[in-house]
PDB file of N, CA and C in Angstrom:
ATOM      1  N   MET A   1     124.822 102.245  80.371  1.00  0.00           N
ATOM      2  CA  MET A   1     125.273 103.295  81.252  1.00  0.00           C
ATOM      3  C   MET A   1     124.004 104.262  81.559  1.00  0.00           C
ATOM      4  N   ALA A   2     123.721 104.215  82.724  1.00  0.00           N
ATOM      5  CA  ALA A   2     122.633 104.993  83.307  1.00  0.00           C
ATOM      6  C   ALA A   2     122.829 106.413  82.964  1.00  0.00           C
ATOM      7  N   LEU A   3     121.614 107.140  82.787  1.00  0.00           N
ATOM      8  CA  LEU A   3     121.763 108.601  82.561  1.00  0.00           C
ATOM      9  C   LEU A   3     121.700 109.228  83.872  1.00  0.00           C
ATOM     10  N   ASN A   4     122.437 110.366  83.836  1.00  0.00           N
ATOM     11  CA  ASN A   4     122.322 111.196  85.093  1.00  0.00           C
ATOM     12  C   ASN A   4     121.059 112.093  85.186  1.00  0.00           C
ATOM     13  N   PRO A   5     120.721 112.710  86.207  1.00  0.00           N
ATOM     14  CA  PRO A   5     119.547 113.454  86.242  1.00  0.00           C
ATOM     15  C   PRO A   5     119.303 114.598  84.977  1.00  0.00           C
ATOM     16  N   GLU A   6     120.511 115.209  84.765  1.00  0.00           N
ATOM     17  CA  GLU A   6     120.370 116.128  83.759  1.00  0.00           C
ATOM     18  C   GLU A   6     120.237 115.729  82.380  1.00  0.00           C
ATOM     19  N   GLN A   7     120.962 114.613  82.172  1.00  0.00           N
ATOM     20  CA  GLN A   7     120.656 113.800  80.888  1.00  0.00           C
ATOM     21  C   GLN A   7     119.376 113.316  80.751  1.00  0.00           C
ATOM     22  N   LEU A   8     118.812 112.827  81.848  1.00  0.00           N
ATOM     23  CA  LEU A   8     117.299 112.290  81.654  1.00  0.00           C
ATOM     24  C   LEU A   8     116.371 113.497  81.431  1.00  0.00           C
ATOM     25  N   LEU A   9     116.789 114.545  82.055  1.00  0.00           N
ATOM     26  CA  LEU A   9     115.915 115.854  81.802  1.00  0.00           C
ATOM     27  C   LEU A   9     115.993 116.221  80.421  1.00  0.00           C
ATOM     28  N   GLN A  10     117.182 116.216  79.795  1.00  0.00           N
ATOM     29  CA  GLN A  10     117.295 116.664  78.489  1.00  0.00           C
ATOM     30  C   GLN A  10     116.649 115.670  77.520  1.00  0.00           C
ATOM     31  N   MET A  11     116.712 114.434  77.711  1.00  0.00           N
ATOM     32  CA  MET A  11     116.046 113.369  76.912  1.00  0.00           C
ATOM     33  C   MET A  11     114.648 113.708  76.898  1.00  0.00           C
ATOM     34  N   THR A  12     114.096 113.854  78.184  1.00  0.00           N
ATOM     35  CA  THR A  12     112.659 114.171  78.259  1.00  0.00           C
ATOM     36  C   THR A  12     112.219 115.424  77.483  1.00  0.00           C
ATOM     37  N   ILE A  13     113.015 116.420  77.513  1.00  0.00           N
ATOM     38  CA  ILE A  13     112.578 117.739  76.948  1.00  0.00           C
ATOM     39  C   ILE A  13     112.765 117.483  75.403  1.00  0.00           C
ATOM     40  N   ASP A  14     113.670 116.785  74.954  1.00  0.00           N
ATOM     41  CA  ASP A  14     113.783 116.572  73.512  1.00  0.00           C
ATOM     42  C   ASP A  14     112.684 115.785  73.039  1.00  0.00           C
ATOM     43  N   ALA A  15     112.230 114.790  73.831  1.00  0.00           N
ATOM     44  CA  ALA A  15     111.193 113.968  73.235  1.00  0.00           C
ATOM     45  C   ALA A  15     109.843 114.630  73.390  1.00  0.00           C
ATOM     46  N   ALA A  16     109.638 115.514  74.193  1.00  0.00           N
ATOM     47  CA  ALA A  16     108.270 116.445  74.070  1.00  0.00           C
ATOM     48  C   ALA A  16     108.313 117.394  73.093  1.00  0.00           C
ATOM     49  N   GLU A  17     109.530 117.991  72.667  1.00  0.00           N
ATOM     50  CA  GLU A  17     109.658 119.023  71.789  1.00  0.00           C
ATOM     51  C   GLU A  17     109.575 118.475  70.426  1.00  0.00           C
ATOM     52  N   SER A  18     109.931 117.290  70.363  1.00  0.00           N
ATOM     53  CA  SER A  18     109.985 116.462  68.929  1.00  0.00           C
ATOM     54  C   SER A  18     108.466 116.381  68.638  1.00  0.00           C
ATOM     55  N   ILE A  19     107.520 116.403  69.561  1.00  0.00           N
ATOM     56  CA  ILE A  19     106.065 116.262  69.046  1.00  0.00           C
ATOM     57  C   ILE A  19     105.401 117.563  69.390  1.00  0.00           C
ATOM     58  N   LYS A  20     106.134 118.561  69.433  1.00  0.00           N
ATOM     59  CA  LYS A  20     105.515 119.997  69.494  1.00  0.00           C
ATOM     60  C   LYS A  20     104.856 120.193  70.736  1.00  0.00           C
ATOM     61  N   ALA A  21     105.303 119.922  71.817  1.00  0.00           N
ATOM     62  CA  ALA A  21     104.617 120.202  73.127  1.00  0.00           C
ATOM     63  C   ALA A  21     104.623 121.681  73.375  1.00  0.00           C
ATOM     64  N   HIS A  22     103.548 122.195  73.934  1.00  0.00           N
ATOM     65  CA  HIS A  22     103.421 123.472  74.186  1.00  0.00           C
ATOM     66  C   HIS A  22     103.783 124.054  75.620  1.00  0.00           C
ATOM     67  N   ASP A  23     104.291 125.122  75.695  1.00  0.00           N
ATOM     68  CA  ASP A  23     104.806 125.770  76.867  1.00  0.00           C
ATOM     69  C   ASP A  23     105.559 124.988  77.792  1.00  0.00           C
ATOM     70  N   LEU A  24     106.588 124.205  77.229  1.00  0.00           N
ATOM     71  CA  LEU A  24     107.395 123.412  78.125  1.00  0.00           C
ATOM     72  C   LEU A  24     108.053 124.102  79.202  1.00  0.00           C
ATOM     73  N   VAL A  25     108.008 123.687  80.382  1.00  0.00           N
ATOM     74  CA  VAL A  25     108.668 124.246  81.365  1.00  0.00           C
ATOM     75  C   VAL A  25     109.480 123.011  82.326  1.00  0.00           C
ATOM     76  N   ALA A  26     110.618 123.430  82.811  1.00  0.00           N
ATOM     77  CA  ALA A  26     111.318 122.276  83.539  1.00  0.00           C
ATOM     78  C   ALA A  26     111.646 122.998  85.032  1.00  0.00           C
ATOM     79  N   LEU A  27     111.285 122.449  86.072  1.00  0.00           N
ATOM     80  CA  LEU A  27     111.431 122.895  87.205  1.00  0.00           C
ATOM     81  C   LEU A  27     112.513 122.157  88.014  1.00  0.00           C
ATOM     82  N   ASP A  28     113.289 122.799  88.672  1.00  0.00           N
ATOM     83  CA  ASP A  28     114.555 122.292  89.415  1.00  0.00           C
ATOM     84  C   ASP A  28     113.914 122.101  90.868  1.00  0.00           C
ATOM     85  N   LEU A  29     113.699 120.836  91.316  1.00  0.00           N
ATOM     86  CA  LEU A  29     113.031 120.740  92.618  1.00  0.00           C
ATOM     87  C   LEU A  29     114.139 120.137  93.753  1.00  0.00           C
ATOM     88  N   ARG A  30     115.539 120.144  93.235  1.00  0.00           N
ATOM     89  CA  ARG A  30     116.456 119.704  94.230  1.00  0.00           C
ATOM     90  C   ARG A  30     116.573 120.779  95.564  1.00  0.00           C
ATOM     91  N   GLY A  31     116.425 120.155  96.675  1.00  0.00           N
ATOM     92  CA  GLY A  31     116.597 120.849  97.870  1.00  0.00           C
ATOM     93  C   GLY A  31     115.179 121.287  98.300  1.00  0.00           C
ATOM     94  N   ILE A  32     114.085 120.992  97.388  1.00  0.00           N
ATOM     95  CA  ILE A  32     112.726 121.427  97.734  1.00  0.00           C
ATOM     96  C   ILE A  32     111.875 120.293  98.036  1.00  0.00           C
ATOM     97  N   SER A  33     112.080 119.277  97.185  1.00  0.00           N
ATOM     98  CA  SER A  33     111.284 117.988  97.381  1.00  0.00           C
ATOM     99  C   SER A  33     112.100 116.741  97.231  1.00  0.00           C
ATOM    100  N   LEU A  34     111.618 115.654  97.825  1.00  0.00           N
ATOM    101  CA  LEU A  34     112.352 114.420  97.735  1.00  0.00           C
ATOM    102  C   LEU A  34     111.523 113.656  96.672  1.00  0.00           C
ATOM    103  N   VAL A  35     110.516 114.173  96.106  1.00  0.00           N
ATOM    104  CA  VAL A  35     109.809 113.574  94.822  1.00  0.00           C
ATOM    105  C   VAL A  35     110.608 113.090  93.746  1.00  0.00           C
ATOM    106  N   ALA A  36     111.361 114.194  93.234  1.00  0.00           N
ATOM    107  CA  ALA A  36     112.281 114.160  92.221  1.00  0.00           C
ATOM    108  C   ALA A  36     113.173 115.324  91.936  1.00  0.00           C
ATOM    109  N   ASP A  37     114.121 115.269  91.116  1.00  0.00           N
ATOM    110  CA  ASP A  37     115.051 116.380  90.985  1.00  0.00           C
ATOM    111  C   ASP A  37     114.426 117.467  90.181  1.00  0.00           C
ATOM    112  N   TYR A  38     113.699 116.880  89.172  1.00  0.00           N
ATOM    113  CA  TYR A  38     113.030 117.837  88.074  1.00  0.00           C
ATOM    114  C   TYR A  38     111.731 117.435  87.720  1.00  0.00           C
ATOM    115  N   PHE A  39     110.819 118.325  87.439  1.00  0.00           N
ATOM    116  CA  PHE A  39     109.454 118.230  86.874  1.00  0.00           C
ATOM    117  C   PHE A  39     109.551 118.829  85.466  1.00  0.00           C
ATOM    118  N   VAL A  40     108.953 118.068  84.631  1.00  0.00           N
ATOM    119  CA  VAL A  40     108.825 118.509  83.231  1.00  0.00           C
ATOM    120  C   VAL A  40     107.403 118.773  83.093  1.00  0.00           C
ATOM    121  N   ILE A  41     106.896 120.021  82.658  1.00  0.00           N
ATOM    122  CA  ILE A  41     105.443 120.298  82.514  1.00  0.00           C
ATOM    123  C   ILE A  41     105.396 120.809  81.131  1.00  0.00           C
ATOM    124  N   CYS A  42     104.360 120.311  80.378  1.00  0.00           N
ATOM    125  CA  CYS A  42     103.904 120.835  78.962  1.00  0.00           C
ATOM    126  C   CYS A  42     102.460 120.429  78.772  1.00  0.00           C
ATOM    127  N   HIS A  43     102.058 120.946  77.558  1.00  0.00           N
ATOM    128  CA  HIS A  43     100.649 120.385  77.322  1.00  0.00           C
ATOM    129  C   HIS A  43     100.568 120.319  75.734  1.00  0.00           C
ATOM    130  N   GLY A  44      99.535 119.547  75.395  1.00  0.00           N
ATOM    131  CA  GLY A  44      99.134 119.461  74.073  1.00  0.00           C
ATOM    132  C   GLY A  44      97.728 120.069  73.886  1.00  0.00           C
ATOM    133  N   ASN A  45      97.398 120.374  72.526  1.00  0.00           N
ATOM    134  CA  ASN A  45      96.073 120.912  72.326  1.00  0.00           C
ATOM    135  C   ASN A  45      94.988 119.969  71.905  1.00  0.00           C
ATOM    136  N   SER A  46      95.219 118.606  72.077  1.00  0.00           N
ATOM    137  CA  SER A  46      94.308 117.603  71.778  1.00  0.00           C
ATOM    138  C   SER A  46      94.652 116.265  72.419  1.00  0.00           C
ATOM    139  N   ASP A  47      93.657 115.350  72.632  1.00  0.00           N
ATOM    140  CA  ASP A  47      94.041 114.136  73.123  1.00  0.00           C
ATOM    141  C   ASP A  47      94.991 113.338  72.472  1.00  0.00           C
ATOM    142  N   THR A  48      95.040 113.469  71.169  1.00  0.00           N
ATOM    143  CA  THR A  48      96.049 112.703  70.382  1.00  0.00           C
ATOM    144  C   THR A  48      97.448 113.222  70.612  1.00  0.00           C
ATOM    145  N   GLN A  49      97.589 114.525  70.725  1.00  0.00           N
ATOM    146  CA  GLN A  49      98.875 115.183  70.930  1.00  0.00           C
ATOM    147  C   GLN A  49      99.315 114.768  72.340  1.00  0.00           C
ATOM    148  N   VAL A  50      98.602 114.806  73.388  1.00  0.00           N
ATOM    149  CA  VAL A  50      98.937 114.404  74.627  1.00  0.00           C
ATOM    150  C   VAL A  50      99.420 113.039  74.597  1.00  0.00           C
ATOM    151  N   GLN A  51      98.795 112.036  74.034  1.00  0.00           N
ATOM    152  CA  GLN A  51      99.030 110.776  74.086  1.00  0.00           C
ATOM    153  C   GLN A  51     100.382 110.496  73.140  1.00  0.00           C
ATOM    154  N   SER A  52     100.599 111.315  72.033  1.00  0.00           N
ATOM    155  CA  SER A  52     101.670 111.207  71.338  1.00  0.00           C
ATOM    156  C   SER A  52     102.958 111.656  72.016  1.00  0.00           C
ATOM    157  N   ILE A  53     102.784 112.759  72.853  1.00  0.00           N
ATOM    158  CA  ILE A  53     103.927 113.198  73.750  1.00  0.00           C
ATOM    159  C   ILE A  53     104.473 111.981  74.741  1.00  0.00           C
ATOM    160  N   ALA A  54     103.461 111.674  75.369  1.00  0.00           N
ATOM    161  CA  ALA A  54     103.629 110.631  76.218  1.00  0.00           C
ATOM    162  C   ALA A  54     104.181 109.245  75.623  1.00  0.00           C
ATOM    163  N   SER A  55     103.747 109.009  74.438  1.00  0.00           N
ATOM    164  CA  SER A  55     104.264 107.845  73.788  1.00  0.00           C
ATOM    165  C   SER A  55     105.808 108.102  73.457  1.00  0.00           C
ATOM    166  N   GLU A  56     106.203 109.227  73.014  1.00  0.00           N
ATOM    167  CA  GLU A  56     107.466 109.554  72.654  1.00  0.00           C
ATOM    168  C   GLU A  56     108.462 109.612  73.732  1.00  0.00           C
ATOM    169  N   VAL A  57     107.958 109.985  74.907  1.00  0.00           N
ATOM    170  CA  VAL A  57     108.747 110.052  76.187  1.00  0.00           C
ATOM    171  C   VAL A  57     109.135 108.570  76.589  1.00  0.00           C
ATOM    172  N   ARG A  58     107.921 107.750  76.578  1.00  0.00           N
ATOM    173  CA  ARG A  58     108.027 106.399  76.846  1.00  0.00           C
ATOM    174  C   ARG A  58     109.069 105.684  76.057  1.00  0.00           C
ATOM    175  N   LYS A  59     108.966 105.882  74.789  1.00  0.00           N
ATOM    176  CA  LYS A  59     109.881 105.353  73.830  1.00  0.00           C
ATOM    177  C   LYS A  59     111.365 105.689  74.015  1.00  0.00           C
ATOM    178  N   ARG A  60     111.486 106.896  74.237  1.00  0.00           N
ATOM    179  CA  ARG A  60     113.043 107.380  74.410  1.00  0.00           C
ATOM    180  C   ARG A  60     113.603 106.858  75.786  1.00  0.00           C
ATOM    181  N   ALA A  61     112.588 106.822  76.779  1.00  0.00           N
ATOM    182  CA  ALA A  61     113.031 106.224  78.020  1.00  0.00           C
ATOM    183  C   ALA A  61     113.426 104.770  77.846  1.00  0.00           C
ATOM    184  N   HIS A  62     112.636 103.962  77.107  1.00  0.00           N
ATOM    185  CA  HIS A  62     112.763 102.627  76.842  1.00  0.00           C
ATOM    186  C   HIS A  62     114.191 102.458  75.980  1.00  0.00           C
ATOM    187  N   ASP A  63     114.307 103.200  75.063  1.00  0.00           N
ATOM    188  CA  ASP A  63     115.609 103.178  74.132  1.00  0.00           C
ATOM    189  C   ASP A  63     116.822 103.447  75.072  1.00  0.00           C
ATOM    190  N   ALA A  64     116.760 104.413  76.120  1.00  0.00           N
ATOM    191  CA  ALA A  64     118.012 104.722  76.897  1.00  0.00           C
ATOM    192  C   ALA A  64     117.890 103.610  78.174  1.00  0.00           C
ATOM    193  N   ASN A  65     117.183 102.600  78.216  1.00  0.00           N
ATOM    194  CA  ASN A  65     117.101 101.795  79.256  1.00  0.00           C
ATOM    195  C   ASN A  65     116.761 102.409  80.620  1.00  0.00           C
ATOM    196  N   VAL A  66     115.916 103.437  80.502  1.00  0.00           N
ATOM    197  CA  VAL A  66     115.487 104.107  81.856  1.00  0.00           C
ATOM    198  C   VAL A  66     114.084 103.364  82.289  1.00  0.00           C
ATOM    199  N   VAL A  67     114.214 102.953  83.511  1.00  0.00           N
ATOM    200  CA  VAL A  67     113.026 102.392  84.224  1.00  0.00           C
ATOM    201  C   VAL A  67     111.919 103.286  84.349  1.00  0.00           C
ATOM    202  N   ILE A  68     110.674 103.098  83.755  1.00  0.00           N
ATOM    203  CA  ILE A  68     109.552 103.926  84.076  1.00  0.00           C
ATOM    204  C   ILE A  68     108.949 103.474  85.354  1.00  0.00           C
ATOM    205  N   ARG A  69     108.833 104.114  86.331  1.00  0.00           N
ATOM    206  CA  ARG A  69     108.472 103.691  87.574  1.00  0.00           C
ATOM    207  C   ARG A  69     107.005 103.837  87.652  1.00  0.00           C
ATOM    208  N   GLY A  70     106.259 104.618  86.904  1.00  0.00           N
ATOM    209  CA  GLY A  70     104.815 104.723  86.898  1.00  0.00           C
ATOM    210  C   GLY A  70     104.399 105.483  85.736  1.00  0.00           C
ATOM    211  N   MET A  71     103.089 105.202  85.229  1.00  0.00           N
ATOM    212  CA  MET A  71     102.684 106.093  84.066  1.00  0.00           C
ATOM    213  C   MET A  71     101.232 106.030  84.238  1.00  0.00           C
ATOM    214  N   GLU A  72     100.475 107.358  84.398  1.00  0.00           N
ATOM    215  CA  GLU A  72      99.040 107.268  84.576  1.00  0.00           C
ATOM    216  C   GLU A  72      98.422 108.345  83.679  1.00  0.00           C
ATOM    217  N   GLY A  73      97.333 108.030  83.390  1.00  0.00           N
ATOM    218  CA  GLY A  73      96.402 108.975  82.605  1.00  0.00           C
ATOM    219  C   GLY A  73      96.542 108.929  81.082  1.00  0.00           C
ATOM    220  N   VAL A  74      97.133 107.876  80.514  1.00  0.00           N
ATOM    221  CA  VAL A  74      97.422 107.840  79.064  1.00  0.00           C
ATOM    222  C   VAL A  74      95.976 107.740  78.307  1.00  0.00           C
ATOM    223  N   ASN A  75      95.081 107.048  78.866  1.00  0.00           N
ATOM    224  CA  ASN A  75      93.897 106.604  78.164  1.00  0.00           C
ATOM    225  C   ASN A  75      93.024 107.978  78.225  1.00  0.00           C
ATOM    226  N   ALA A  76      92.974 108.595  79.220  1.00  0.00           N
ATOM    227  CA  ALA A  76      91.895 109.693  79.392  1.00  0.00           C
ATOM    228  C   ALA A  76      92.563 110.850  78.768  1.00  0.00           C
ATOM    229  N   ALA A  77      94.012 110.967  78.677  1.00  0.00           N
ATOM    230  CA  ALA A  77      94.696 112.063  77.928  1.00  0.00           C
ATOM    231  C   ALA A  77      94.386 113.400  78.325  1.00  0.00           C
ATOM    232  N   ARG A  78      94.146 113.612  79.674  1.00  0.00           N
ATOM    233  CA  ARG A  78      93.786 114.988  80.101  1.00  0.00           C
ATOM    234  C   ARG A  78      95.038 115.316  81.092  1.00  0.00           C
ATOM    235  N   TRP A  79      95.629 114.384  81.777  1.00  0.00           N
ATOM    236  CA  TRP A  79      96.809 114.771  82.561  1.00  0.00           C
ATOM    237  C   TRP A  79      97.509 113.509  82.672  1.00  0.00           C
ATOM    238  N   VAL A  80      98.670 113.256  81.907  1.00  0.00           N
ATOM    239  CA  VAL A  80      99.521 112.169  81.854  1.00  0.00           C
ATOM    240  C   VAL A  80     100.857 112.394  82.753  1.00  0.00           C
ATOM    241  N   LEU A  81     100.925 111.509  83.562  1.00  0.00           N
ATOM    242  CA  LEU A  81     102.076 111.542  84.472  1.00  0.00           C
ATOM    243  C   LEU A  81     103.143 110.423  84.350  1.00  0.00           C
ATOM    244  N   ILE A  82     104.243 110.769  84.101  1.00  0.00           N
ATOM    245  CA  ILE A  82     105.150 109.713  83.888  1.00  0.00           C
ATOM    246  C   ILE A  82     106.443 110.004  84.822  1.00  0.00           C
ATOM    247  N   ASP A  83     106.604 108.898  85.732  1.00  0.00           N
ATOM    248  CA  ASP A  83     107.549 108.963  86.736  1.00  0.00           C
ATOM    249  C   ASP A  83     108.926 108.238  86.264  1.00  0.00           C
ATOM    250  N   LEU A  84     109.970 108.933  86.077  1.00  0.00           N
ATOM    251  CA  LEU A  84     111.164 108.436  85.421  1.00  0.00           C
ATOM    252  C   LEU A  84     112.217 108.377  86.676  1.00  0.00           C
ATOM    253  N   GLY A  85     111.843 108.486  87.787  1.00  0.00           N
ATOM    254  CA  GLY A  85     112.543 108.497  88.932  1.00  0.00           C
ATOM    255  C   GLY A  85     113.082 109.914  89.249  1.00  0.00           C
ATOM    256  N   ASP A  86     114.282 110.385  88.752  1.00  0.00           N
ATOM    257  CA  ASP A  86     114.793 111.697  89.023  1.00  0.00           C
ATOM    258  C   ASP A  86     114.057 112.883  88.221  1.00  0.00           C
ATOM    259  N   VAL A  87     113.301 112.457  87.185  1.00  0.00           N
ATOM    260  CA  VAL A  87     112.421 113.346  86.507  1.00  0.00           C
ATOM    261  C   VAL A  87     111.000 112.902  86.504  1.00  0.00           C
ATOM    262  N   VAL A  88     109.983 113.685  86.671  1.00  0.00           N
ATOM    263  CA  VAL A  88     108.549 113.288  86.542  1.00  0.00           C
ATOM    264  C   VAL A  88     108.084 114.316  85.655  1.00  0.00           C
ATOM    265  N   VAL A  89     107.345 113.718  84.592  1.00  0.00           N
ATOM    266  CA  VAL A  89     106.947 114.471  83.433  1.00  0.00           C
ATOM    267  C   VAL A  89     105.331 114.552  83.662  1.00  0.00           C
ATOM    268  N   HIS A  90     104.916 115.812  83.437  1.00  0.00           N
ATOM    269  CA  HIS A  90     103.486 116.151  83.612  1.00  0.00           C
ATOM    270  C   HIS A  90     103.060 116.557  82.114  1.00  0.00           C
ATOM    271  N   ILE A  91     102.150 115.788  81.459  1.00  0.00           N
ATOM    272  CA  ILE A  91     101.734 116.210  80.163  1.00  0.00           C
ATOM    273  C   ILE A  91     100.222 116.453  80.055  1.00  0.00           C
ATOM    274  N   PHE A  92      99.801 117.641  80.125  1.00  0.00           N
ATOM    275  CA  PHE A  92      98.428 117.968  80.209  1.00  0.00           C
ATOM    276  C   PHE A  92      97.749 118.376  79.012  1.00  0.00           C
ATOM    277  N   HIS A  93      96.383 118.163  78.974  1.00  0.00           N
ATOM    278  CA  HIS A  93      95.687 118.858  77.846  1.00  0.00           C
ATOM    279  C   HIS A  93      95.533 120.334  78.280  1.00  0.00           C
ATOM    280  N   ARG A  94      95.632 121.117  77.240  1.00  0.00           N
ATOM    281  CA  ARG A  94      95.673 122.435  77.438  1.00  0.00           C
ATOM    282  C   ARG A  94      94.634 123.038  78.798  1.00  0.00           C
ATOM    283  N   ASP A  95      93.385 122.562  78.587  1.00  0.00           N
ATOM    284  CA  ASP A  95      92.465 122.966  79.557  1.00  0.00           C
ATOM    285  C   ASP A  95      92.654 122.546  81.060  1.00  0.00           C
ATOM    286  N   GLU A  96      93.242 121.378  81.144  1.00  0.00           N
ATOM    287  CA  GLU A  96      93.577 120.859  82.403  1.00  0.00           C
ATOM    288  C   GLU A  96      94.707 121.694  82.964  1.00  0.00           C
ATOM    289  N   ARG A  97      95.728 121.968  82.222  1.00  0.00           N
ATOM    290  CA  ARG A  97      96.853 122.662  82.669  1.00  0.00           C
ATOM    291  C   ARG A  97      96.592 124.113  83.264  1.00  0.00           C
ATOM    292  N   GLU A  98      95.809 124.615  82.566  1.00  0.00           N
ATOM    293  CA  GLU A  98      95.071 125.873  83.148  1.00  0.00           C
ATOM    294  C   GLU A  98      94.494 125.734  84.524  1.00  0.00           C
ATOM    295  N   TYR A  99      93.688 124.741  84.707  1.00  0.00           N
ATOM    296  CA  TYR A  99      92.927 124.480  85.796  1.00  0.00           C
ATOM    297  C   TYR A  99      93.812 124.239  86.951  1.00  0.00           C
ATOM    298  N   TYR A 100      94.757 123.212  86.874  1.00  0.00           N
ATOM    299  CA  TYR A 100      95.628 122.635  87.805  1.00  0.00           C
ATOM    300  C   TYR A 100      96.788 123.617  88.255  1.00  0.00           C
ATOM    301  N   ASN A 101      97.478 124.316  87.224  1.00  0.00           N
ATOM    302  CA  ASN A 101      98.404 125.200  87.371  1.00  0.00           C
ATOM    303  C   ASN A 101      99.415 124.679  88.453  1.00  0.00           C
ATOM    304  N   ILE A 102     100.085 123.636  88.070  1.00  0.00           N
ATOM    305  CA  ILE A 102     101.006 123.068  89.026  1.00  0.00           C
ATOM    306  C   ILE A 102     102.354 123.853  89.074  1.00  0.00           C
ATOM    307  N   GLU A 103     102.565 124.610  88.208  1.00  0.00           N
ATOM    308  CA  GLU A 103     103.772 125.551  88.277  1.00  0.00           C
ATOM    309  C   GLU A 103     103.602 126.463  89.557  1.00  0.00           C
ATOM    310  N   ARG A 104     102.327 126.972  89.690  1.00  0.00           N
ATOM    311  CA  ARG A 104     102.120 127.814  90.894  1.00  0.00           C
ATOM    312  C   ARG A 104     102.382 126.973  92.258  1.00  0.00           C
ATOM    313  N   LEU A 105     101.846 125.702  92.172  1.00  0.00           N
ATOM    314  CA  LEU A 105     102.055 124.885  93.451  1.00  0.00           C
ATOM    315  C   LEU A 105     103.414 124.696  93.642  1.00  0.00           C
ATOM    316  N   TRP A 106     104.302 124.782  92.693  1.00  0.00           N
ATOM    317  CA  TRP A 106     105.817 124.592  93.064  1.00  0.00           C
ATOM    318  C   TRP A 106     106.430 125.738  92.578  1.00  0.00           C
ATOM    319  N   SER A 107     105.903 126.977  93.204  1.00  0.00           N
ATOM    320  CA  SER A 107     106.567 128.232  92.699  1.00  0.00           C
ATOM    321  C   SER A 107     107.818 128.413  93.516  1.00  0.00           C
ATOM    322  N   ASP A 108     108.215 127.764  94.422  1.00  0.00           N
ATOM    323  CA  ASP A 108     109.518 127.811  95.092  1.00  0.00           C
ATOM    324  C   ASP A 108     110.707 127.241  94.161  1.00  0.00           C
ATOM    325  N   ALA A 109     110.278 126.376  93.154  1.00  0.00           N
ATOM    326  CA  ALA A 109     111.219 125.661  92.462  1.00  0.00           C
ATOM    327  C   ALA A 109     111.727 126.757  91.272  1.00  0.00           C
ATOM    328  N   LYS A 110     113.085 126.601  91.039  1.00  0.00           N
ATOM    329  CA  LYS A 110     113.693 127.429  89.993  1.00  0.00           C
ATOM    330  C   LYS A 110     113.284 126.795  88.570  1.00  0.00           C
ATOM    331  N   VAL A 111     113.057 127.712  87.617  1.00  0.00           N
ATOM    332  CA  VAL A 111     112.794 127.212  86.320  1.00  0.00           C
ATOM    333  C   VAL A 111     114.155 127.024  85.738  1.00  0.00           C
ATOM    334  N   VAL A 112     114.492 125.905  85.028  1.00  0.00           N
ATOM    335  CA  VAL A 112     115.577 125.544  84.396  1.00  0.00           C
ATOM    336  C   VAL A 112     115.610 126.130  82.996  1.00  0.00           C
ATOM    337  N   GLU A 113     116.546 127.115  82.866  1.00  0.00           N
ATOM    338  CA  GLU A 113     116.535 127.759  81.600  1.00  0.00           C
ATOM    339  C   GLU A 113     117.160 126.968  80.489  1.00  0.00           C
ATOM    340  N   LYS A 114     118.248 126.433  80.591  1.00  0.00           N
ATOM    341  CA  LYS A 114     118.790 125.512  79.566  1.00  0.00           C
ATOM    342  C   LYS A 114     119.500 124.486  80.320  1.00  0.00           C
ATOM    343  N   VAL A 115     119.391 123.296  79.669  1.00  0.00           N
ATOM    344  CA  VAL A 115     120.143 121.982  80.194  1.00  0.00           C
ATOM    345  C   VAL A 115     121.419 121.844  79.401  1.00  0.00           C
TER     346      VAL A 115
END
């Protein structure tokens, strides 16, 4: 059975939190963008942590039979993007997150408080 967007969002948040992702924010893009329903944004404090978060998201998506439409940046571990369709995950290295500040770029989106 396919996950609905909210279940996919929760799965992604749970995966990132299990690896102690920092400052996790979920943005509701419905009605704002056709790219995805939600963005999940978080960061790790080291290359290893960024890669571990990405690996856990990938593993849980695979376990739930969710198709990963694209995954970029894992080797560099500075900004990993995982496209799960309705949810796009951005996993930054701390320094890159401060530099790109994509929350500001999507400031029209509502922050999801609880799923």
